[in-house]
Amino acid sequence: MEEKLYVNGIDAVTGNYLVQPMEIADAARLVRGEKRDKKTTSWLKRAWQALSQPHLALPIDVDPSNLQQTGWAIVFFKDETAAVKEALAPLVEHRRRQVGDEAKLKVLEYRRGERRETWLARHGIGLGSVRPEKVPYYLLVIGSPENIPFLFRHQLGVEYAVGSLHFETAEEYSRYAASVIACETQSALLTAKEALFFAVRHPSDPATQLSADHLMKPLSEASEEDGHQPLAEKYGFETRKLFDDDATKSALAAALSPPPEKKAPAFLFTASHGMGFPNGHPEQRSGQGALLCQEWPGSGAVEPEHYFSAGDRPATARVQGMISFHFACYGAGTPANDRFIHEPGQAPPPIAPKPFIAALPQALLAHPKGGALACIGHVDRAWGYSILTPNAGAQLLPFENAIGRILKGEPVGLAMKDFYERYASLSVSLSSMLEEISFGATVADEDLAGTWIARNDAEGYLILGDPAVRLRAAV
């Protein structure tokens, strides 16, 4: 690891890092002040053990990729509007036909303030097991994170395949539902069998240098060291790269709006800074998590022409049938408070007046001409240094497995399981380190800070969209 830790994310007003580069010793000090929740740690230990089994936490005879066996449920906030429920009714009926078992197709509700364990207990399920006839494995959570907190979704996602949706209007929900049903029922395939990797890299910016060199290049290029072909090609997909000077805003827009004779890529992976706006800024809701592109010179003020936001989604974009993965701060959403970087004993500083889902994935999922199937991103910050382990180099297996499963056509909720397992495992490791420290043991700052950062990053991933969707691509 470098002498300093660089966290992804650029302040949209100043052009500075959202979080100033941290000394490893300072990061370790923050970790040492973190409070341990023994009950949560105990649950994560059991969940980690269950996730490490081939059948996950499901009954041993249940295939986690088979919707008829795992079931599917939609989870509404208790006071969700009738208009939203009506807009999503066609998707519920579509899944009902696919599951074919009324006991495993459910419409559930979340009551304000419920914790993960309380919600599960109300439905007759204890921690550490999944019973599809009580709570199905694939869960689509509907509503604002004001009403159904991000933390509930993250923790539920450790044992279940969880996706989230929140739009401002019922019409957007309706568009998304119609788009998914069309993708899964019509014979025409809408996307090309192509994986597009978009990686920004600024010469004076260690954060994008790290994500470009240690994440995107290994995932998209052949390995001379072991002779492996590019990852996408293992699954029959062509690889297309927009790196460095080619990773421009205009190039990304063009990739989403190919000429009529071509199709858009089935899979899009981006790595860049996510834009961050000051708490309460008038553009925070519309611009937070927008993708900073190569047009930005690498320092100084950030202008709208430097980043790709929801407002830059082309009207002619053809993203229906696509799954996208955005490695960027706030790429999926923004919490109200900073859970990680604050002095021990002090209240977490506010980030936004209220938590919200990022506007860019919302715009992709509810495109009027057909929306993306799912968008994967971060709530809060993307911790780029999480991919590097001290003395061990880059750790890319969760990314490789997730991308591989997506390209193989597995449900996106199942494809992300390695990240949830990693979160559970790292949480247990971090708790053990803190316990050892409390007993007087010495733990190196590098180990403590590295585990903390990796845990934070793994926890932050969120699937926006139905977790049961699968990639379909043209030959």
Foldseek 3Di string as FASTA:
>chain_A
DDQWFAFFAAAQFWRHRPDPTHGLVVLLQLLLLDDDDVVVLVLLVLQLVQCVDCCRQEPPPADVQQCLRQAEEEEEEPPDDPLLVVLQVVLLVVSCVRNVDPLQRYYHYDYAPDALQRRQVVQPDHGRHGDSSRPGQFYEYEDWCLRVPPLRQLVSLLRGLYAYAYDPDSLLSNLLSVLLVCCVPDPDHFAALAEEEAAEDAPVDPLSVLCVVAPRDQQAQADPVVRRHHLSVVLPGHYHYQYYPSNAPVNVLCLQQDPPVHHHHQEYEYEAEFYAYAAPPPCRQFRGGWGFTNVPNSGGHHDPRRTHTLVNNDLRGRQRQHEYEYQYFQNFWEAQFDPRDDRRPDDTHGRYPHIGTGNNQSSQSRRVVHHHQKYKYFYGTARSCLQQAVPPGGDCVLVSQLVNCQSNWGQNSVSNNVLSSLLSVLSNVLVVVSVVVVVPDDDDSRNNSNSVSNNNNSSTMHMHHGSSGGHDHDD
